[in-house]
Amino acid sequence: MKPRGREAVEEALLDAATELFAERGPAQVSIKDIAASAGVNHGLVHRHFGSKEALLRAVMERLVGRIEAALPSEDEPLVEAIDHAFHGTREQGAYFRILAHALLAGEDPAAIQERFPVAERLVRIAKREGVDEPKRIVSAMLSTGLGWLLFEPWIRASTGYRAKKPPFVT
């Protein structure tokens, strides 16, 4: 059934764009692809978001908001906060896949995302715990987690690692 009304159309476009951007990457998805998947005319993408780039920013902002809402408090230990940052909600998978596609295509992170609440929260937790060089440590932890999310099948196949939990989670 076709979405009707402003909110329903915007939600349908955001849902379709999220799915397609995560699957193929923003560079490989057209406005017509998004509109067709959402069941609306492609002119509605321009009407509601202005451009594909603005729709991408809206998708990322929505995903970041959902991830941020699911984050535990800043009282949580850093190791557990890192685990939640990567595995807390279904949105993380789509967020990180879209981010990876965009970065591999040469996009500037600041062009597709205005806020970085997950990394900022992790740095605050690391500082609270007295971690030396909190930005460096959080950067290393994020690198490990992102590497696992992007390359888990290859890592498992090449190393024979079979445990359910990623190797960096206790």
N, C-alpha and C. Protein backbone atom coordinates (compact mmCIF):
# COMPACT_ATOMS: atom_id res chain seq x y z
N MET A 1 0.84 -1.17 0.00
CA MET A 1 0.00 0.00 0.00
C MET A 1 0.89 1.25 0.00
N LYS A 2 0.53 2.21 -0.83
CA LYS A 2 1.31 3.44 -0.91
C LYS A 2 1.13 4.27 0.35
N PRO A 3 2.23 4.84 0.83
CA PRO A 3 2.11 5.71 2.00
C PRO A 3 1.39 7.00 1.64
N ARG A 4 0.60 7.50 2.58
CA ARG A 4 -0.15 8.74 2.36
C ARG A 4 0.12 9.68 3.52
N GLY A 5 0.23 10.95 3.19
CA GLY A 5 0.50 11.96 4.21
C GLY A 5 1.99 12.18 4.38
N ARG A 6 2.32 13.37 4.82
CA ARG A 6 3.72 13.79 4.93
C ARG A 6 4.56 12.83 5.77
N GLU A 7 4.12 12.54 6.98
CA GLU A 7 4.91 11.68 7.87
C GLU A 7 5.09 10.29 7.31
N ALA A 8 4.02 9.72 6.77
CA ALA A 8 4.09 8.36 6.22
C ALA A 8 5.04 8.30 5.02
N VAL A 9 4.98 9.31 4.16
CA VAL A 9 5.87 9.36 2.99
C VAL A 9 7.32 9.51 3.44
N GLU A 10 7.57 10.41 4.37
CA GLU A 10 8.94 10.60 4.86
C GLU A 10 9.48 9.33 5.50
N GLU A 11 8.67 8.67 6.32
CA GLU A 11 9.10 7.41 6.95
C GLU A 11 9.39 6.35 5.90
N ALA A 12 8.52 6.24 4.90
CA ALA A 12 8.72 5.25 3.84
C ALA A 12 10.01 5.54 3.07
N LEU A 13 10.27 6.81 2.79
CA LEU A 13 11.50 7.17 2.09
C LEU A 13 12.73 6.90 2.95
N LEU A 14 12.66 7.24 4.23
CA LEU A 14 13.79 6.97 5.13
C LEU A 14 14.04 5.48 5.27
N ASP A 15 12.97 4.69 5.40
CA ASP A 15 13.12 3.24 5.52
C ASP A 15 13.74 2.65 4.25
N ALA A 16 13.21 3.05 3.10
CA ALA A 16 13.72 2.53 1.83
C ALA A 16 15.17 2.94 1.61
N ALA A 17 15.47 4.21 1.87
CA ALA A 17 16.84 4.69 1.69
C ALA A 17 17.80 3.97 2.63
N THR A 18 17.39 3.76 3.87
CA THR A 18 18.25 3.06 4.83
C THR A 18 18.58 1.67 4.31
N GLU A 19 17.57 0.94 3.89
CA GLU A 19 17.78 -0.42 3.40
C GLU A 19 18.68 -0.44 2.16
N LEU A 20 18.39 0.42 1.20
CA LEU A 20 19.16 0.43 -0.05
C LEU A 20 20.57 0.95 0.16
N PHE A 21 20.74 2.01 0.94
CA PHE A 21 22.08 2.54 1.21
C PHE A 21 22.93 1.49 1.92
N ALA A 22 22.34 0.76 2.86
CA ALA A 22 23.09 -0.26 3.60
C ALA A 22 23.46 -1.43 2.68
N GLU A 23 22.57 -1.77 1.79
CA GLU A 23 22.78 -2.91 0.90
C GLU A 23 23.80 -2.60 -0.20
N ARG A 24 23.65 -1.45 -0.86
CA ARG A 24 24.47 -1.14 -2.04
C ARG A 24 25.45 0.00 -1.85
N GLY A 25 25.21 0.83 -0.85
CA GLY A 25 26.02 2.03 -0.69
C GLY A 25 25.33 3.21 -1.34
N PRO A 26 25.43 4.39 -0.74
CA PRO A 26 24.74 5.56 -1.27
C PRO A 26 25.07 5.88 -2.72
N ALA A 27 26.32 5.68 -3.12
CA ALA A 27 26.72 6.03 -4.48
C ALA A 27 26.04 5.16 -5.54
N GLN A 28 25.61 3.97 -5.15
CA GLN A 28 25.01 3.03 -6.10
C GLN A 28 23.48 3.03 -6.08
N VAL A 29 22.90 3.97 -5.37
CA VAL A 29 21.45 4.04 -5.24
C VAL A 29 20.95 5.35 -5.83
N SER A 30 19.95 5.26 -6.69
CA SER A 30 19.39 6.48 -7.28
C SER A 30 18.13 6.91 -6.52
N ILE A 31 17.74 8.14 -6.75
CA ILE A 31 16.50 8.65 -6.16
C ILE A 31 15.32 7.81 -6.65
N LYS A 32 15.36 7.41 -7.91
CA LYS A 32 14.27 6.57 -8.44
C LYS A 32 14.23 5.21 -7.75
N ASP A 33 15.41 4.64 -7.43
CA ASP A 33 15.44 3.37 -6.70
C ASP A 33 14.76 3.52 -5.34
N ILE A 34 15.09 4.59 -4.65
CA ILE A 34 14.53 4.84 -3.31
C ILE A 34 13.02 5.03 -3.39
N ALA A 35 12.59 5.85 -4.34
CA ALA A 35 11.15 6.12 -4.49
C ALA A 35 10.40 4.84 -4.84
N ALA A 36 10.95 4.04 -5.74
CA ALA A 36 10.29 2.79 -6.12
C ALA A 36 10.17 1.85 -4.93
N SER A 37 11.23 1.74 -4.15
CA SER A 37 11.20 0.88 -2.97
C SER A 37 10.20 1.39 -1.93
N ALA A 38 10.06 2.71 -1.84
CA ALA A 38 9.13 3.31 -0.88
C ALA A 38 7.69 3.32 -1.39
N GLY A 39 7.52 3.06 -2.69
CA GLY A 39 6.18 3.07 -3.27
C GLY A 39 5.63 4.46 -3.51
N VAL A 40 6.54 5.41 -3.83
CA VAL A 40 6.11 6.79 -4.08
C VAL A 40 6.76 7.31 -5.36
N ASN A 41 6.27 8.44 -5.84
CA ASN A 41 6.85 9.11 -6.99
C ASN A 41 8.20 9.71 -6.60
N HIS A 42 9.17 9.64 -7.52
CA HIS A 42 10.52 10.12 -7.18
C HIS A 42 10.57 11.63 -6.89
N GLY A 43 9.59 12.37 -7.37
CA GLY A 43 9.54 13.80 -7.08
C GLY A 43 9.35 14.08 -5.59
N LEU A 44 8.79 13.11 -4.87
CA LEU A 44 8.58 13.30 -3.43
C LEU A 44 9.89 13.29 -2.64
N VAL A 45 10.92 12.67 -3.18
CA VAL A 45 12.23 12.72 -2.51
C VAL A 45 12.69 14.17 -2.47
N HIS A 46 12.59 14.86 -3.60
CA HIS A 46 12.98 16.27 -3.66
C HIS A 46 12.07 17.14 -2.80
N ARG A 47 10.79 16.86 -2.83
CA ARG A 47 9.84 17.67 -2.06
C ARG A 47 10.12 17.57 -0.55
N HIS A 48 10.39 16.37 -0.07
CA HIS A 48 10.55 16.16 1.37
C HIS A 48 11.98 16.33 1.88
N PHE A 49 12.97 16.08 1.01
CA PHE A 49 14.36 16.13 1.48
C PHE A 49 15.25 17.06 0.66
N GLY A 50 14.84 17.42 -0.54
CA GLY A 50 15.62 18.36 -1.34
C GLY A 50 16.62 17.69 -2.27
N SER A 51 17.30 16.65 -1.80
CA SER A 51 18.31 15.97 -2.61
C SER A 51 18.62 14.61 -2.00
N LYS A 52 19.31 13.78 -2.76
CA LYS A 52 19.72 12.47 -2.23
C LYS A 52 20.70 12.67 -1.09
N GLU A 53 21.57 13.66 -1.19
CA GLU A 53 22.55 13.93 -0.13
C GLU A 53 21.85 14.32 1.17
N ALA A 54 20.81 15.15 1.06
CA ALA A 54 20.06 15.55 2.26
C ALA A 54 19.31 14.35 2.84
N LEU A 55 18.81 13.47 1.97
CA LEU A 55 18.14 12.25 2.44
C LEU A 55 19.16 11.36 3.16
N LEU A 56 20.37 11.24 2.62
CA LEU A 56 21.41 10.45 3.28
C LEU A 56 21.71 11.02 4.67
N ARG A 57 21.83 12.34 4.78
CA ARG A 57 22.07 12.95 6.09
C ARG A 57 20.91 12.66 7.05
N ALA A 58 19.68 12.71 6.53
CA ALA A 58 18.51 12.42 7.37
C ALA A 58 18.51 10.96 7.83
N VAL A 59 18.89 10.06 6.94
CA VAL A 59 18.99 8.64 7.30
C VAL A 59 20.01 8.46 8.41
N MET A 60 21.18 9.06 8.23
CA MET A 60 22.25 8.91 9.22
C MET A 60 21.85 9.53 10.55
N GLU A 61 21.20 10.68 10.51
CA GLU A 61 20.77 11.34 11.75
C GLU A 61 19.73 10.48 12.48
N ARG A 62 18.81 9.90 11.73
CA ARG A 62 17.80 9.03 12.36
C ARG A 62 18.47 7.81 12.99
N LEU A 63 19.40 7.19 12.27
CA LEU A 63 20.10 6.02 12.81
C LEU A 63 20.92 6.40 14.04
N VAL A 64 21.63 7.52 13.97
CA VAL A 64 22.42 7.98 15.12
C VAL A 64 21.52 8.23 16.32
N GLY A 65 20.37 8.85 16.09
CA GLY A 65 19.43 9.10 17.18
C GLY A 65 18.95 7.83 17.84
N ARG A 66 18.65 6.82 17.04
CA ARG A 66 18.20 5.54 17.59
C ARG A 66 19.32 4.84 18.34
N ILE A 67 20.51 4.88 17.79
CA ILE A 67 21.66 4.26 18.46
C ILE A 67 21.93 4.97 19.78
N GLU A 68 21.91 6.30 19.74
CA GLU A 68 22.16 7.10 20.94
C GLU A 68 21.12 6.79 22.02
N ALA A 69 19.86 6.66 21.62
CA ALA A 69 18.79 6.37 22.59
C ALA A 69 18.98 5.00 23.24
N ALA A 70 19.61 4.08 22.53
CA ALA A 70 19.81 2.73 23.05
C ALA A 70 21.10 2.58 23.86
N LEU A 71 21.94 3.61 23.83
CA LEU A 71 23.20 3.52 24.58
C LEU A 71 22.92 3.50 26.08
N PRO A 72 23.69 2.72 26.79
CA PRO A 72 23.56 2.72 28.25
C PRO A 72 24.10 4.01 28.83
N SER A 73 23.95 4.17 30.11
CA SER A 73 24.40 5.40 30.77
C SER A 73 25.92 5.51 30.72
N GLU A 74 26.38 6.70 31.01
CA GLU A 74 27.83 6.93 31.03
C GLU A 74 28.49 6.33 32.26
N ASP A 75 27.70 5.74 33.15
CA ASP A 75 28.26 5.08 34.33
C ASP A 75 28.75 3.67 34.01
N GLU A 76 28.42 3.17 32.84
CA GLU A 76 28.81 1.82 32.45
C GLU A 76 30.33 1.75 32.21
N PRO A 77 30.97 0.62 32.51
CA PRO A 77 32.40 0.47 32.23
C PRO A 77 32.67 0.58 30.72
N LEU A 78 33.84 1.06 30.36
CA LEU A 78 34.20 1.31 28.97
C LEU A 78 34.07 0.05 28.11
N VAL A 79 34.55 -1.08 28.59
CA VAL A 79 34.51 -2.31 27.80
C VAL A 79 33.06 -2.68 27.46
N GLU A 80 32.16 -2.55 28.42
CA GLU A 80 30.75 -2.85 28.17
C GLU A 80 30.13 -1.81 27.24
N ALA A 81 30.52 -0.56 27.39
CA ALA A 81 29.99 0.50 26.53
C ALA A 81 30.40 0.26 25.07
N ILE A 82 31.63 -0.19 24.85
CA ILE A 82 32.10 -0.51 23.50
C ILE A 82 31.25 -1.64 22.92
N ASP A 83 31.02 -2.68 23.73
CA ASP A 83 30.19 -3.80 23.27
C ASP A 83 28.81 -3.31 22.87
N HIS A 84 28.19 -2.46 23.70
CA HIS A 84 26.87 -1.91 23.37
C HIS A 84 26.93 -1.04 22.12
N ALA A 85 28.01 -0.31 21.95
CA ALA A 85 28.13 0.58 20.79
C ALA A 85 28.03 -0.19 19.48
N PHE A 86 28.50 -1.42 19.48
CA PHE A 86 28.48 -2.20 18.25
C PHE A 86 27.34 -3.21 18.17
N HIS A 87 26.76 -3.58 19.29
CA HIS A 87 25.79 -4.67 19.26
C HIS A 87 24.48 -4.37 19.97
N GLY A 88 24.24 -3.12 20.32
CA GLY A 88 23.06 -2.79 21.11
C GLY A 88 21.74 -2.77 20.37
N THR A 89 21.73 -2.36 19.12
CA THR A 89 20.47 -2.28 18.39
C THR A 89 20.66 -2.74 16.95
N ARG A 90 19.57 -3.05 16.32
CA ARG A 90 19.57 -3.46 14.92
C ARG A 90 20.08 -2.33 14.01
N GLU A 91 19.88 -1.09 14.44
CA GLU A 91 20.27 0.05 13.61
C GLU A 91 21.78 0.13 13.39
N GLN A 92 22.57 -0.36 14.36
CA GLN A 92 24.01 -0.27 14.21
C GLN A 92 24.49 -0.89 12.91
N GLY A 93 23.95 -2.06 12.57
CA GLY A 93 24.40 -2.74 11.35
C GLY A 93 24.20 -1.86 10.13
N ALA A 94 23.01 -1.30 9.98
CA ALA A 94 22.73 -0.44 8.83
C ALA A 94 23.61 0.80 8.87
N TYR A 95 23.74 1.40 10.04
CA TYR A 95 24.56 2.61 10.18
C TYR A 95 25.99 2.35 9.73
N PHE A 96 26.60 1.29 10.26
CA PHE A 96 28.00 1.03 9.94
C PHE A 96 28.19 0.60 8.49
N ARG A 97 27.23 -0.12 7.92
CA ARG A 97 27.34 -0.50 6.50
C ARG A 97 27.25 0.74 5.61
N ILE A 98 26.30 1.63 5.92
CA ILE A 98 26.17 2.86 5.13
C ILE A 98 27.44 3.69 5.27
N LEU A 99 27.92 3.83 6.49
CA LEU A 99 29.13 4.61 6.74
C LEU A 99 30.31 4.02 5.97
N ALA A 100 30.47 2.70 6.01
CA ALA A 100 31.58 2.06 5.30
C ALA A 100 31.49 2.30 3.80
N HIS A 101 30.29 2.10 3.23
CA HIS A 101 30.11 2.35 1.79
C HIS A 101 30.48 3.79 1.45
N ALA A 102 29.98 4.72 2.23
CA ALA A 102 30.21 6.14 1.95
C ALA A 102 31.69 6.50 2.06
N LEU A 103 32.35 6.02 3.10
CA LEU A 103 33.76 6.34 3.28
C LEU A 103 34.62 5.71 2.20
N LEU A 104 34.31 4.47 1.82
CA LEU A 104 35.06 3.82 0.75
C LEU A 104 34.86 4.52 -0.59
N ALA A 105 33.73 5.21 -0.74
CA ALA A 105 33.47 5.98 -1.96
C ALA A 105 34.08 7.38 -1.89
N GLY A 106 34.77 7.69 -0.78
CA GLY A 106 35.46 8.97 -0.65
C GLY A 106 34.66 10.08 -0.01
N GLU A 107 33.52 9.77 0.59
CA GLU A 107 32.71 10.80 1.26
C GLU A 107 33.41 11.32 2.51
N ASP A 108 33.21 12.59 2.79
CA ASP A 108 33.69 13.21 4.03
C ASP A 108 32.69 12.88 5.13
N PRO A 109 33.13 12.28 6.25
CA PRO A 109 32.19 11.94 7.32
C PRO A 109 31.33 13.12 7.76
N ALA A 110 31.91 14.30 7.82
CA ALA A 110 31.16 15.48 8.26
C ALA A 110 30.07 15.87 7.27
N ALA A 111 30.20 15.43 6.02
CA ALA A 111 29.20 15.76 5.01
C ALA A 111 27.95 14.89 5.15
N ILE A 112 28.09 13.73 5.78
CA ILE A 112 26.94 12.83 5.89
C ILE A 112 26.43 12.71 7.32
N GLN A 113 27.18 13.25 8.27
CA GLN A 113 26.78 13.12 9.67
C GLN A 113 27.24 14.35 10.44
N GLU A 114 26.33 14.95 11.18
CA GLU A 114 26.66 16.16 11.93
C GLU A 114 27.16 15.87 13.33
N ARG A 115 26.64 14.80 13.94
CA ARG A 115 27.00 14.49 15.33
C ARG A 115 27.61 13.10 15.41
N PHE A 116 28.47 12.89 16.38
CA PHE A 116 29.12 11.61 16.60
C PHE A 116 28.97 11.21 18.07
N PRO A 117 27.72 11.03 18.53
CA PRO A 117 27.48 10.84 19.96
C PRO A 117 28.07 9.56 20.54
N VAL A 118 28.16 8.50 19.76
CA VAL A 118 28.69 7.25 20.28
C VAL A 118 30.16 7.43 20.64
N ALA A 119 30.95 7.92 19.69
CA ALA A 119 32.38 8.12 19.95
C ALA A 119 32.59 9.14 21.06
N GLU A 120 31.81 10.20 21.05
CA GLU A 120 31.95 11.23 22.10
C GLU A 120 31.66 10.65 23.48
N ARG A 121 30.62 9.81 23.57
CA ARG A 121 30.29 9.20 24.86
C ARG A 121 31.40 8.24 25.30
N LEU A 122 31.93 7.47 24.38
CA LEU A 122 33.00 6.54 24.73
C LEU A 122 34.24 7.28 25.24
N VAL A 123 34.57 8.40 24.62
CA VAL A 123 35.71 9.20 25.08
C VAL A 123 35.44 9.73 26.48
N ARG A 124 34.22 10.20 26.74
CA ARG A 124 33.89 10.69 28.09
C ARG A 124 34.01 9.57 29.13
N ILE A 125 33.54 8.37 28.79
CA ILE A 125 33.64 7.24 29.71
C ILE A 125 35.11 6.90 29.96
N ALA A 126 35.91 6.89 28.91
CA ALA A 126 37.34 6.59 29.06
C ALA A 126 38.01 7.62 29.95
N LYS A 127 37.67 8.88 29.78
CA LYS A 127 38.24 9.94 30.63
C LYS A 127 37.82 9.73 32.08
N ARG A 128 36.54 9.41 32.29
CA ARG A 128 36.04 9.17 33.64
C ARG A 128 36.79 8.02 34.31
N GLU A 129 37.13 7.00 33.53
CA GLU A 129 37.84 5.85 34.07
C GLU A 129 39.34 6.09 34.23
N GLY A 130 39.79 7.27 33.82
CA GLY A 130 41.20 7.60 33.97
C GLY A 130 42.11 6.95 32.94
N VAL A 131 41.55 6.58 31.80
CA VAL A 131 42.34 5.96 30.73
C VAL A 131 43.34 6.98 30.19
N ASP A 132 44.62 6.56 30.09
CA ASP A 132 45.62 7.42 29.46
C ASP A 132 45.28 7.53 27.97
N GLU A 133 45.38 8.71 27.44
CA GLU A 133 45.10 8.98 26.02
C GLU A 133 43.74 8.41 25.59
N PRO A 134 42.66 8.89 26.19
CA PRO A 134 41.34 8.32 25.92
C PRO A 134 40.94 8.36 24.44
N LYS A 135 41.28 9.42 23.74
CA LYS A 135 40.91 9.50 22.32
C LYS A 135 41.63 8.43 21.50
N ARG A 136 42.89 8.18 21.82
CA ARG A 136 43.66 7.16 21.11
C ARG A 136 43.10 5.77 21.40
N ILE A 137 42.80 5.50 22.68
CA ILE A 137 42.30 4.19 23.07
C ILE A 137 40.92 3.94 22.45
N VAL A 138 40.04 4.93 22.52
CA VAL A 138 38.71 4.77 21.92
C VAL A 138 38.84 4.60 20.40
N SER A 139 39.74 5.34 19.78
CA SER A 139 39.97 5.18 18.33
C SER A 139 40.39 3.75 18.00
N ALA A 140 41.29 3.19 18.81
CA ALA A 140 41.74 1.81 18.58
C ALA A 140 40.60 0.82 18.77
N MET A 141 39.79 1.04 19.80
CA MET A 141 38.66 0.15 20.06
C MET A 141 37.62 0.24 18.94
N LEU A 142 37.35 1.45 18.47
CA LEU A 142 36.42 1.61 17.37
C LEU A 142 36.96 0.96 16.10
N SER A 143 38.25 1.09 15.86
CA SER A 143 38.87 0.46 14.69
C SER A 143 38.69 -1.05 14.72
N THR A 144 38.92 -1.64 15.88
CA THR A 144 38.77 -3.08 16.03
C THR A 144 37.31 -3.49 15.80
N GLY A 145 36.39 -2.78 16.42
CA GLY A 145 34.98 -3.11 16.28
C GLY A 145 34.47 -2.95 14.86
N LEU A 146 34.87 -1.85 14.21
CA LEU A 146 34.44 -1.63 12.83
C LEU A 146 35.04 -2.68 11.91
N GLY A 147 36.29 -3.01 12.14
CA GLY A 147 36.93 -4.06 11.34
C GLY A 147 36.17 -5.37 11.46
N TRP A 148 35.76 -5.71 12.68
CA TRP A 148 35.00 -6.94 12.89
C TRP A 148 33.65 -6.88 12.18
N LEU A 149 32.94 -5.76 12.32
CA LEU A 149 31.62 -5.64 11.69
C LEU A 149 31.71 -5.77 10.17
N LEU A 150 32.75 -5.20 9.59
CA LEU A 150 32.87 -5.20 8.13
C LEU A 150 33.44 -6.50 7.59
N PHE A 151 34.34 -7.11 8.34
CA PHE A 151 35.08 -8.25 7.81
C PHE A 151 34.88 -9.55 8.57
N GLU A 152 33.86 -9.62 9.42
CA GLU A 152 33.64 -10.82 10.24
C GLU A 152 33.64 -12.11 9.43
N PRO A 153 32.90 -12.21 8.32
CA PRO A 153 32.91 -13.49 7.59
C PRO A 153 34.31 -13.88 7.11
N TRP A 154 35.06 -12.92 6.61
CA TRP A 154 36.41 -13.20 6.14
C TRP A 154 37.33 -13.57 7.30
N ILE A 155 37.23 -12.84 8.41
CA ILE A 155 38.07 -13.13 9.58
C ILE A 155 37.78 -14.54 10.09
N ARG A 156 36.51 -14.88 10.21
CA ARG A 156 36.15 -16.22 10.69
C ARG A 156 36.67 -17.30 9.74
N ALA A 157 36.49 -17.10 8.43
CA ALA A 157 36.93 -18.09 7.44
C ALA A 157 38.45 -18.24 7.44
N SER A 158 39.15 -17.13 7.55
CA SER A 158 40.61 -17.18 7.44
C SER A 158 41.29 -17.64 8.72
N THR A 159 40.65 -17.43 9.88
CA THR A 159 41.29 -17.81 11.14
C THR A 159 40.69 -19.03 11.80
N GLY A 160 39.49 -19.40 11.38
CA GLY A 160 38.80 -20.51 12.02
C GLY A 160 38.15 -20.15 13.34
N TYR A 161 38.07 -18.86 13.66
CA TYR A 161 37.44 -18.42 14.91
C TYR A 161 35.95 -18.74 14.84
N ARG A 162 35.43 -19.46 15.85
CA ARG A 162 34.04 -19.91 15.81
C ARG A 162 33.18 -19.45 16.97
N ALA A 163 33.75 -18.84 17.99
CA ALA A 163 32.97 -18.41 19.15
C ALA A 163 31.90 -17.41 18.71
N LYS A 164 30.77 -17.38 19.43
CA LYS A 164 29.69 -16.46 19.08
C LYS A 164 30.10 -15.01 19.25
N LYS A 165 30.76 -14.71 20.38
CA LYS A 165 31.15 -13.33 20.66
C LYS A 165 32.38 -12.94 19.83
N PRO A 166 32.44 -11.68 19.41
CA PRO A 166 33.66 -11.22 18.75
C PRO A 166 34.85 -11.40 19.69
N PRO A 167 36.04 -11.58 19.15
CA PRO A 167 37.20 -11.85 20.00
C PRO A 167 37.59 -10.71 20.93
N PHE A 168 37.10 -9.51 20.69
CA PHE A 168 37.47 -8.37 21.53
C PHE A 168 36.46 -8.11 22.64
N VAL A 169 35.40 -8.93 22.72
CA VAL A 169 34.38 -8.78 23.75
C VAL A 169 34.61 -9.83 24.82
N THR A 170 34.60 -9.38 26.09
CA THR A 170 34.84 -10.33 27.18
C THR A 170 33.58 -11.04 27.60
